Amino acid sequence: MTNVPTAAPQDDELAPVPRRVVRAWSLWDFGQQSFNTVILTFVFSVYVTGTVADSELRGTQVFSNTQAWAGLAIALLAPAMGTFADRLRNSRLLLTITTVATIACMAGLWFVKPEDSYLLLGCLLIAVASVFSELAGVFYNSMLLHISTPKTYGRISGTAWGLGYIGGVIALVIALFGFILNGGMLGLPTDEALNVRGVAVMCAIWFLVFGMPLLLLAPKEPPSTLTGRFNLLTAYRDLGRRIVQLWRTERSLLHFFLASAVYRDGLGAVFTFAGVLAANAYGFSTTMVIIFGLAANLVAGIGTWFAGRLDDKLGPRPVIVGSLAVILVMGAGIIVSDADIVFWVGGLVIASCVGPIQSASRSMLARMTSTETASENFGLYATAGRAVSFLAPAAFASFVAITGQERLGIIGIVVVLALGLALFLSMRFTEQAEERRRAQDPTPDRP
């Protein structure tokens, strides 16, 4: 693979649609992070597992198990929904349905009282919201091809990614000072955790406000040329055919899809369970969990900014390998030591590596694909990630059950990340085999 430099995009190349549409697309990510950062990671997951549950261990097990089932549901639904989106050619409608469903689940968390009888309800609402949020992300990402040109894909995508980190930080600050700290500036009573439950309503409104512009302004797509009735069998049949084609002609790309799917699942689990570990394994208060979350998001944004420049100079492969190696070392340190300072330092260093890996992985796929197959390949990239999204939550829950210690659940995450790194490093052999095959048969793989 060679890196082909491209000219910096001019202002008139930013997108084939009005700028307000591009801004609306970026704001959706800004709003959606209220779920990922506040609900799923640092506030409501901690409330459900640590306050609603009658024991922190049981709360963590129920939460991680429901997240594993959510991951399995995503694995089964994502390929079919991707095919359905291609046939329907109305991503805005599908994005609206999944966005509204996510918001409804978030708002429903208001009814989760601090009693053990509400534990399953709280975990299920978060799990269902996770499914709808991930499916919404599939439709959201596909819109990038309709609002940008090949020369502006990185800039527009990167801006939205950065705004996502900022949105998570701002939402956490509002949750801390508006609701959590001493009842918050809004003065909500702490009886029956009304102030914490109010955070869920705030996040639902946050996502609605910043997600609505895209739901109203998303561009229309050209009519589909696909014929035939849609059902799950045809969806998986088409996916199987695509995988067979990759196996025959582009095994290195298929190898990359598999490796990146595994380590990206581990990366997702880092943020999913960070707040739970901080509260239940290290005794952080809700306020300290939020402060830790703020710091983690800030260093993640800074790390991604610097790594993007390393990517341009060194290529994405060293960024991915180096960042994964750092995470494994820091994860091992947290496993062998239960000191708070080790968790703080290790956790923040790990957070600073998550964004760079995600960004460099997207960059690497862009270098491996052609403009003719970019939409298909990025769609399969997203589908592959969803298909294994149950691995890390299941591994985390398994090690909690085996060891009886929530802190050692991180062993499961480290194992998944190590497996992803091993698969990624072995991709060199697949690339070398393809190069030998092409040298023997120079006929192009693609027509």
Protein backbone atom coordinates (compact mmCIF):
# COMPACT_ATOMS: atom_id res chain seq x y z
CA MET A 1 0.00 0.00 0.00
CA THR A 2 1.17 3.45 -0.82
CA ASN A 3 0.20 6.73 0.70
CA VAL A 4 -0.97 9.13 -1.97
CA PRO A 5 -0.84 12.75 -0.83
CA THR A 6 -3.81 14.91 -1.66
CA ALA A 7 -4.08 18.63 -1.97
CA ALA A 8 -5.62 20.56 0.87
CA PRO A 9 -9.31 21.11 0.18
CA GLN A 10 -10.44 24.55 -0.87
CA ASP A 11 -13.39 26.28 0.76
CA ASP A 12 -15.64 25.60 -2.18
CA GLU A 13 -14.85 21.88 -1.90
CA LEU A 14 -16.14 21.46 1.64
CA ALA A 15 -19.34 19.69 0.61
CA PRO A 16 -21.83 19.36 -2.24
CA VAL A 17 -24.58 20.47 0.15
CA PRO A 18 -25.21 23.71 2.09
CA ARG A 19 -22.88 24.31 5.00
CA ARG A 20 -25.81 24.20 7.42
CA VAL A 21 -26.28 20.53 6.54
CA VAL A 22 -22.63 19.79 7.32
CA ARG A 23 -22.97 21.66 10.63
CA ALA A 24 -26.16 19.74 11.42
CA TRP A 25 -24.35 16.46 10.73
CA SER A 26 -21.58 17.41 13.15
CA LEU A 27 -24.05 18.56 15.82
CA TRP A 28 -25.75 15.16 15.83
CA ASP A 29 -22.52 13.61 17.12
CA PHE A 30 -22.23 16.48 19.62
CA GLY A 31 -25.67 15.60 20.98
CA GLN A 32 -25.37 11.82 20.79
CA GLN A 33 -22.35 11.81 23.09
CA SER A 34 -24.64 12.71 25.98
CA PHE A 35 -25.73 9.06 25.88
CA ASN A 36 -22.27 7.53 25.44
CA THR A 37 -20.48 9.69 27.99
CA VAL A 38 -23.08 10.55 30.62
CA ILE A 39 -25.60 7.70 30.51
CA LEU A 40 -23.57 4.71 29.40
CA THR A 41 -20.22 5.46 31.01
CA PHE A 42 -19.90 7.92 33.85
CA VAL A 43 -23.24 8.70 35.52
CA PHE A 44 -26.26 6.50 34.99
CA SER A 45 -24.45 3.19 34.64
CA VAL A 46 -22.76 4.01 37.95
CA TYR A 47 -26.10 4.94 39.53
CA VAL A 48 -27.76 1.72 38.35
CA THR A 49 -24.96 -0.62 39.40
CA GLY A 50 -23.98 1.14 42.62
CA THR A 51 -27.17 2.69 44.00
CA VAL A 52 -30.14 0.90 42.46
CA ALA A 53 -28.65 -2.59 42.91
CA ASP A 54 -28.63 -4.10 46.40
CA SER A 55 -24.95 -5.03 45.87
CA GLU A 56 -22.36 -3.53 43.58
CA LEU A 57 -21.17 -6.93 42.37
CA ARG A 58 -24.67 -8.02 41.35
CA GLY A 59 -25.33 -4.65 39.75
CA THR A 60 -22.17 -4.89 37.66
CA GLN A 61 -22.98 -8.44 36.57
CA VAL A 62 -26.55 -7.58 35.49
CA PHE A 63 -25.39 -4.44 33.70
CA SER A 64 -22.56 -6.17 31.83
CA ASN A 65 -24.80 -9.13 30.90
CA THR A 66 -27.49 -6.87 29.43
CA GLN A 67 -24.80 -5.00 27.52
CA ALA A 68 -23.57 -8.32 26.14
CA TRP A 69 -27.11 -9.15 24.96
CA ALA A 70 -27.34 -5.68 23.42
CA GLY A 71 -24.12 -6.34 21.55
CA LEU A 72 -25.51 -9.61 20.23
CA ALA A 73 -28.67 -7.85 19.07
CA ILE A 74 -26.55 -5.27 17.25
CA ALA A 75 -24.55 -8.06 15.62
CA LEU A 76 -27.75 -9.64 14.28
CA LEU A 77 -29.52 -6.43 13.25
CA ALA A 78 -26.74 -4.24 11.85
CA PRO A 79 -26.10 -6.18 8.59
CA ALA A 80 -29.83 -6.42 7.82
CA MET A 81 -30.44 -2.76 8.61
CA GLY A 82 -27.50 -1.76 6.43
CA THR A 83 -28.97 -3.66 3.50
CA PHE A 84 -32.42 -2.24 4.22
CA ALA A 85 -30.99 1.29 4.22
CA ASP A 86 -29.40 0.69 0.80
CA ARG A 87 -32.74 -0.50 -0.60
CA LEU A 88 -34.96 2.12 1.05
CA ARG A 89 -32.62 5.03 0.26
CA ASN A 90 -34.05 7.10 3.10
CA SER A 91 -31.36 7.32 5.76
CA ARG A 92 -33.04 10.36 7.26
CA LEU A 93 -36.18 8.36 8.08
CA LEU A 94 -34.20 5.48 9.59
CA LEU A 95 -31.97 7.89 11.51
CA THR A 96 -35.05 9.68 12.85
CA ILE A 97 -36.65 6.44 14.06
CA THR A 98 -33.51 5.18 15.81
CA THR A 99 -32.62 8.60 17.25
CA VAL A 100 -36.10 9.13 18.70
CA ALA A 101 -36.07 5.59 20.12
CA THR A 102 -32.72 6.27 21.81
CA ILE A 103 -34.04 9.52 23.28
CA ALA A 104 -37.19 7.77 24.55
CA CYS A 105 -35.13 5.13 26.35
CA MET A 106 -32.97 7.82 27.93
CA ALA A 107 -36.02 9.74 29.13
CA GLY A 108 -37.48 6.49 30.50
CA LEU A 109 -34.56 6.22 32.91
CA TRP A 110 -36.29 8.92 34.97
CA PHE A 111 -38.55 6.16 36.32
CA VAL A 112 -35.63 4.05 37.64
CA LYS A 113 -35.80 4.59 41.39
CA PRO A 114 -32.95 3.69 43.78
CA GLU A 115 -34.47 0.33 44.66
CA ASP A 116 -33.21 -3.11 43.67
CA SER A 117 -36.55 -3.94 42.02
CA TYR A 118 -35.71 -1.30 39.37
CA LEU A 119 -32.28 -2.74 38.54
CA LEU A 120 -33.40 -4.84 35.57
CA LEU A 121 -35.51 -1.99 34.17
CA GLY A 122 -32.56 0.41 34.33
CA CYS A 123 -30.14 -2.04 32.74
CA LEU A 124 -32.62 -2.98 30.01
CA LEU A 125 -33.37 0.65 29.13
CA ILE A 126 -29.66 1.38 28.80
CA ALA A 127 -29.14 -1.80 26.74
CA VAL A 128 -32.03 -1.03 24.36
CA ALA A 129 -30.81 2.55 24.03
CA SER A 130 -27.37 1.15 23.16
CA VAL A 131 -28.89 -0.92 20.34
CA PHE A 132 -30.84 1.98 18.85
CA SER A 133 -27.88 4.33 19.28
CA GLU A 134 -25.53 1.97 17.45
CA LEU A 135 -28.01 1.41 14.61
CA ALA A 136 -28.48 5.18 14.36
CA GLY A 137 -24.71 5.45 14.02
CA VAL A 138 -24.81 3.18 10.95
CA PHE A 139 -27.30 5.47 9.17
CA TYR A 140 -25.47 8.57 10.42
CA ASN A 141 -22.09 7.43 9.11
CA SER A 142 -23.56 6.55 5.71
CA MET A 143 -24.65 10.18 5.32
CA LEU A 144 -21.04 11.29 5.22
CA LEU A 145 -20.84 10.18 1.60
CA HIS A 146 -23.76 12.49 0.73
CA ILE A 147 -22.48 15.63 2.46
CA SER A 148 -18.77 15.55 1.53
CA THR A 149 -16.40 14.94 -1.32
CA PRO A 150 -13.43 12.54 -1.27
CA LYS A 151 -11.19 15.54 -0.60
CA THR A 152 -13.14 16.69 2.45
CA TYR A 153 -14.09 13.35 4.06
CA GLY A 154 -11.37 13.58 6.70
CA ARG A 155 -11.99 17.20 7.62
CA ILE A 156 -15.76 16.87 7.98
CA SER A 157 -15.57 13.51 9.74
CA GLY A 158 -12.80 14.71 12.06
CA THR A 159 -14.69 17.86 12.98
CA ALA A 160 -17.73 15.82 14.00
CA TRP A 161 -15.54 13.39 15.96
CA GLY A 162 -13.92 16.27 17.85
CA LEU A 163 -17.29 17.85 18.55
CA GLY A 164 -18.39 14.53 20.01
CA TYR A 165 -15.64 14.70 22.63
CA ILE A 166 -16.54 18.32 23.39
CA GLY A 167 -20.22 17.44 23.66
CA GLY A 168 -19.44 14.69 26.14
CA VAL A 169 -17.34 17.03 28.28
CA ILE A 170 -19.98 19.80 28.31
CA ALA A 171 -22.79 17.37 29.11
CA LEU A 172 -20.73 15.97 32.00
CA VAL A 173 -20.06 19.47 33.35
CA ILE A 174 -23.78 20.25 33.25
CA ALA A 175 -24.54 16.96 34.99
CA LEU A 176 -21.96 17.67 37.70
CA PHE A 177 -22.78 21.27 38.52
CA GLY A 178 -26.42 21.34 37.49
CA PHE A 179 -27.59 18.09 39.07
CA ILE A 180 -25.04 16.09 41.09
CA LEU A 181 -22.82 18.34 43.22
CA ASN A 182 -24.76 19.13 46.43
CA GLY A 183 -28.01 18.69 44.57
CA GLY A 184 -26.78 20.88 41.74
CA MET A 185 -27.48 24.50 40.90
CA LEU A 186 -30.99 23.53 39.77
CA GLY A 187 -31.78 22.54 43.33
CA LEU A 188 -33.37 19.19 42.56
CA PRO A 189 -33.99 17.15 45.72
CA THR A 190 -31.74 14.21 46.40
CA ASP A 191 -34.61 12.16 47.85
CA GLU A 192 -35.12 9.03 45.74
CA ALA A 193 -32.16 10.24 43.65
CA LEU A 194 -34.32 12.74 41.78
CA ASN A 195 -31.24 14.80 40.91
CA VAL A 196 -29.46 11.82 39.33
CA ARG A 197 -32.60 10.68 37.51
CA GLY A 198 -32.93 14.24 36.23
CA VAL A 199 -29.60 13.78 34.47
CA ALA A 200 -31.25 11.21 32.18
CA VAL A 201 -33.96 13.70 31.20
CA MET A 202 -31.34 16.37 30.60
CA CYS A 203 -29.40 14.05 28.28
CA ALA A 204 -32.55 13.14 26.37
CA ILE A 205 -33.33 16.81 25.80
CA TRP A 206 -29.67 17.47 24.89
CA PHE A 207 -29.71 14.79 22.18
CA LEU A 208 -33.11 15.98 20.90
CA VAL A 209 -31.98 19.61 20.59
CA PHE A 210 -28.67 18.92 18.84
CA GLY A 211 -29.89 15.93 16.82
CA MET A 212 -33.00 17.61 15.44
CA PRO A 213 -31.23 19.83 12.86
CA LEU A 214 -29.88 16.81 10.99
CA LEU A 215 -33.24 15.03 11.15
CA LEU A 216 -34.74 18.07 9.41
CA LEU A 217 -31.92 18.94 6.98
CA ALA A 218 -30.41 15.58 5.99
CA PRO A 219 -30.09 15.39 2.19
CA LYS A 220 -32.26 13.10 0.11
CA GLU A 221 -30.64 10.12 -1.55
CA PRO A 222 -31.02 9.02 -5.18
CA PRO A 223 -33.55 6.23 -5.77
CA SER A 224 -32.26 2.69 -5.34
CA THR A 225 -31.69 0.52 -8.39
CA LEU A 226 -32.03 -2.65 -6.30
CA THR A 227 -35.09 -4.78 -6.95
CA GLY A 228 -36.74 -7.63 -5.13
CA ARG A 229 -38.41 -7.88 -1.76
CA PHE A 230 -36.34 -7.31 1.34
CA ASN A 231 -36.07 -9.81 4.17
CA LEU A 232 -33.44 -10.99 6.62
CA LEU A 233 -32.46 -13.96 4.47
CA THR A 234 -31.65 -11.80 1.44
CA ALA A 235 -29.74 -9.36 3.66
CA TYR A 236 -27.47 -12.05 5.05
CA ARG A 237 -27.17 -13.70 1.65
CA ASP A 238 -25.86 -10.44 0.16
CA LEU A 239 -23.46 -10.03 3.08
CA GLY A 240 -22.19 -13.59 2.61
CA ARG A 241 -21.56 -12.96 -1.08
CA ARG A 242 -19.58 -9.83 -0.27
CA ILE A 243 -17.43 -11.68 2.26
CA VAL A 244 -16.77 -14.47 -0.26
CA GLN A 245 -15.67 -11.84 -2.78
CA LEU A 246 -13.30 -10.31 -0.26
CA TRP A 247 -11.88 -13.75 0.54
CA ARG A 248 -11.17 -14.37 -3.12
CA THR A 249 -9.79 -10.99 -4.14
CA GLU A 250 -9.02 -8.77 -1.11
CA ARG A 251 -8.09 -10.92 1.86
CA SER A 252 -6.02 -8.18 3.48
CA LEU A 253 -9.09 -5.96 3.58
CA LEU A 254 -11.17 -8.75 5.08
CA HIS A 255 -8.34 -9.36 7.57
CA PHE A 256 -8.39 -5.68 8.52
CA PHE A 257 -12.16 -5.73 9.03
CA LEU A 258 -11.79 -8.66 11.45
CA ALA A 259 -8.80 -7.30 13.38
CA SER A 260 -10.18 -3.79 13.72
CA ALA A 261 -13.59 -5.10 14.76
CA VAL A 262 -12.02 -7.01 17.66
CA TYR A 263 -9.81 -4.22 19.02
CA ARG A 264 -12.50 -1.56 18.47
CA ASP A 265 -14.85 -3.63 20.62
CA GLY A 266 -12.21 -3.58 23.34
CA LEU A 267 -11.88 0.18 22.98
CA GLY A 268 -15.62 0.61 23.36
CA ALA A 269 -15.57 -1.42 26.55
CA VAL A 270 -12.88 0.86 28.00
CA PHE A 271 -15.33 3.76 28.17
CA THR A 272 -18.39 1.59 28.88
CA PHE A 273 -16.94 0.15 32.10
CA ALA A 274 -14.55 2.93 33.19
CA GLY A 275 -17.15 4.66 35.34
CA VAL A 276 -18.39 1.40 36.83
CA LEU A 277 -14.87 0.41 37.83
CA ALA A 278 -14.08 3.84 39.23
CA ALA A 279 -17.16 3.82 41.47
CA ASN A 280 -17.51 0.20 42.49
CA ALA A 281 -13.91 -1.06 42.49
CA TYR A 282 -12.13 2.09 43.65
CA GLY A 283 -14.84 3.76 45.70
CA PHE A 284 -15.04 6.98 43.68
CA SER A 285 -17.99 9.19 44.56
CA THR A 286 -20.35 10.21 41.75
CA THR A 287 -18.64 13.58 41.64
CA MET A 288 -15.19 12.00 41.35
CA VAL A 289 -16.43 9.65 38.61
CA ILE A 290 -17.64 12.67 36.61
CA ILE A 291 -14.35 14.50 37.15
CA PHE A 292 -12.51 11.40 35.96
CA GLY A 293 -14.80 11.29 32.92
CA LEU A 294 -14.11 14.94 32.12
CA ALA A 295 -10.37 14.37 32.29
CA ALA A 296 -10.64 11.21 30.18
CA ASN A 297 -12.56 12.95 27.41
CA LEU A 298 -10.20 15.92 27.39
CA VAL A 299 -7.07 13.79 27.07
CA ALA A 300 -8.83 11.66 24.45
CA GLY A 301 -9.46 14.74 22.33
CA ILE A 302 -5.90 16.00 22.76
CA GLY A 303 -4.44 12.58 22.01
CA THR A 304 -6.48 12.27 18.83
CA TRP A 305 -5.35 15.71 17.64
CA PHE A 306 -1.66 14.87 18.04
CA ALA A 307 -2.01 11.35 16.65
CA GLY A 308 -3.65 12.69 13.52
CA ARG A 309 -0.43 14.52 12.71
CA LEU A 310 1.64 11.41 13.45
CA ASP A 311 -0.65 9.52 11.10
CA ASP A 312 0.25 11.94 8.28
CA LYS A 313 3.98 11.54 8.93
CA LEU A 314 4.30 7.85 9.85
CA GLY A 315 1.15 6.28 8.50
CA PRO A 316 -1.76 4.78 10.45
CA ARG A 317 -0.17 1.39 11.20
CA PRO A 318 2.43 2.65 13.75
CA VAL A 319 -0.23 4.76 15.45
CA ILE A 320 -2.54 1.76 15.85
CA VAL A 321 0.16 -0.66 17.02
CA GLY A 322 1.83 1.84 19.36
CA SER A 323 -1.43 2.99 20.95
CA LEU A 324 -2.68 -0.56 21.48
CA ALA A 325 0.66 -1.52 23.05
CA VAL A 326 0.44 1.41 25.47
CA ILE A 327 -3.11 0.44 26.44
CA LEU A 328 -2.05 -3.14 27.15
CA VAL A 329 0.83 -1.99 29.36
CA MET A 330 -1.41 0.42 31.29
CA GLY A 331 -4.13 -2.21 31.57
CA ALA A 332 -1.65 -4.69 33.02
CA GLY A 333 -0.62 -2.10 35.59
CA ILE A 334 -4.22 -1.62 36.70
CA ILE A 335 -4.67 -5.39 36.96
CA VAL A 336 -1.68 -5.93 39.26
CA SER A 337 -2.21 -2.85 41.44
CA ASP A 338 -5.36 -1.62 43.13
CA ALA A 339 -3.88 1.78 44.02
CA ASP A 340 -6.05 4.76 43.11
CA ILE A 341 -3.11 6.61 41.55
CA VAL A 342 -2.43 3.68 39.23
CA PHE A 343 -6.05 3.73 38.07
CA TRP A 344 -5.98 7.50 37.57
CA VAL A 345 -2.74 7.54 35.58
CA GLY A 346 -3.40 4.31 33.72
CA GLY A 347 -6.98 5.25 32.94
CA LEU A 348 -6.08 8.67 31.53
CA VAL A 349 -3.20 7.29 29.45
CA ILE A 350 -5.55 4.63 28.07
CA ALA A 351 -8.15 7.29 27.27
CA SER A 352 -5.55 9.31 25.36
CA CYS A 353 -4.93 6.28 23.09
CA VAL A 354 -8.53 5.35 22.28
CA GLY A 355 -9.26 8.23 19.88
CA PRO A 356 -5.97 7.88 17.98
CA ILE A 357 -6.66 4.19 17.29
CA GLN A 358 -10.17 4.89 16.05
CA SER A 359 -9.04 7.78 13.88
CA ALA A 360 -6.02 5.93 12.45
CA SER A 361 -8.18 2.87 11.70
CA ARG A 362 -10.52 5.00 9.60
CA SER A 363 -7.53 6.56 7.87
CA MET A 364 -6.06 3.14 7.13
CA LEU A 365 -9.26 1.91 5.55
CA ALA A 366 -9.37 5.02 3.39
CA ARG A 367 -5.88 4.15 2.13
CA MET A 368 -6.86 0.55 1.43
CA THR A 369 -10.01 1.25 -0.56
CA SER A 370 -10.91 2.94 -3.85
CA THR A 371 -13.45 5.67 -4.49
CA GLU A 372 -15.61 3.15 -6.36
CA THR A 373 -15.94 0.88 -3.32
CA ALA A 374 -15.60 3.39 -0.47
CA SER A 375 -19.27 3.35 0.56
CA GLU A 376 -19.45 -0.43 0.51
CA ASN A 377 -16.20 -0.86 2.42
CA PHE A 378 -16.98 1.72 5.09
CA GLY A 379 -20.39 0.14 5.53
CA LEU A 380 -18.86 -3.31 5.99
CA TYR A 381 -16.31 -1.78 8.36
CA ALA A 382 -19.16 -0.51 10.53
CA THR A 383 -21.02 -3.81 10.29
CA ALA A 384 -17.95 -5.81 11.29
CA GLY A 385 -17.51 -3.65 14.37
CA ARG A 386 -21.11 -4.17 15.42
CA ALA A 387 -20.94 -7.90 14.76
CA VAL A 388 -18.45 -8.58 17.57
CA SER A 389 -19.64 -5.89 19.97
CA PHE A 390 -20.65 -8.53 22.52
CA LEU A 391 -17.08 -9.85 23.00
CA ALA A 392 -15.61 -7.36 25.46
CA PRO A 393 -18.75 -6.97 27.67
CA ALA A 394 -19.04 -10.75 27.84
CA ALA A 395 -15.33 -11.12 28.64
CA PHE A 396 -15.59 -8.43 31.32
CA ALA A 397 -18.62 -10.14 32.92
CA SER A 398 -16.89 -13.52 32.76
CA PHE A 399 -13.79 -12.39 34.61
CA VAL A 400 -15.91 -10.60 37.22
CA ALA A 401 -17.79 -13.87 37.77
CA ILE A 402 -14.60 -15.98 37.81
CA THR A 403 -12.59 -13.76 40.17
CA GLY A 404 -15.41 -12.27 42.21
CA GLN A 405 -13.71 -8.87 41.87
CA GLU A 406 -15.04 -6.08 39.66
CA ARG A 407 -11.57 -4.57 39.21
CA LEU A 408 -10.33 -7.77 37.57
CA GLY A 409 -13.04 -7.56 34.94
CA ILE A 410 -10.51 -5.42 33.06
CA ILE A 411 -8.61 -8.65 32.33
CA GLY A 412 -11.37 -9.49 29.84
CA ILE A 413 -10.96 -6.15 28.08
CA VAL A 414 -7.17 -6.56 27.93
CA VAL A 415 -7.57 -10.05 26.45
CA VAL A 416 -9.86 -8.75 23.70
CA LEU A 417 -7.46 -5.87 22.88
CA ALA A 418 -4.48 -8.24 22.82
CA LEU A 419 -6.34 -10.53 20.43
CA GLY A 420 -7.14 -7.57 18.19
CA LEU A 421 -3.50 -6.46 18.17
CA ALA A 422 -2.31 -9.99 17.33
CA LEU A 423 -4.76 -10.19 14.43
CA PHE A 424 -3.70 -6.75 13.20
CA LEU A 425 0.03 -7.59 13.33
CA SER A 426 -0.56 -10.85 11.43
CA MET A 427 -2.14 -8.86 8.61
CA ARG A 428 1.37 -8.38 7.21
CA PHE A 429 1.42 -12.04 6.16
CA THR A 430 -1.88 -11.65 4.33
CA GLU A 431 -0.60 -8.56 2.53
CA GLN A 432 2.61 -10.32 1.51
CA ALA A 433 0.62 -13.28 0.16
CA GLU A 434 -1.54 -10.92 -1.91
CA GLU A 435 1.54 -9.21 -3.28
CA ARG A 436 2.99 -12.57 -4.35
CA ARG A 437 -0.30 -13.56 -5.95
CA ARG A 438 -0.51 -10.29 -7.89
CA ALA A 439 3.09 -10.70 -9.05
CA GLN A 440 2.17 -14.10 -10.49
CA ASP A 441 -1.17 -12.96 -11.88
CA PRO A 442 -1.16 -9.23 -12.64
CA THR A 443 -4.83 -9.28 -13.68
CA PRO A 444 -6.67 -6.60 -11.63
CA ASP A 445 -8.95 -7.89 -8.92
CA ARG A 446 -11.64 -5.41 -9.82
CA PRO A 447 -13.20 -4.97 -13.26
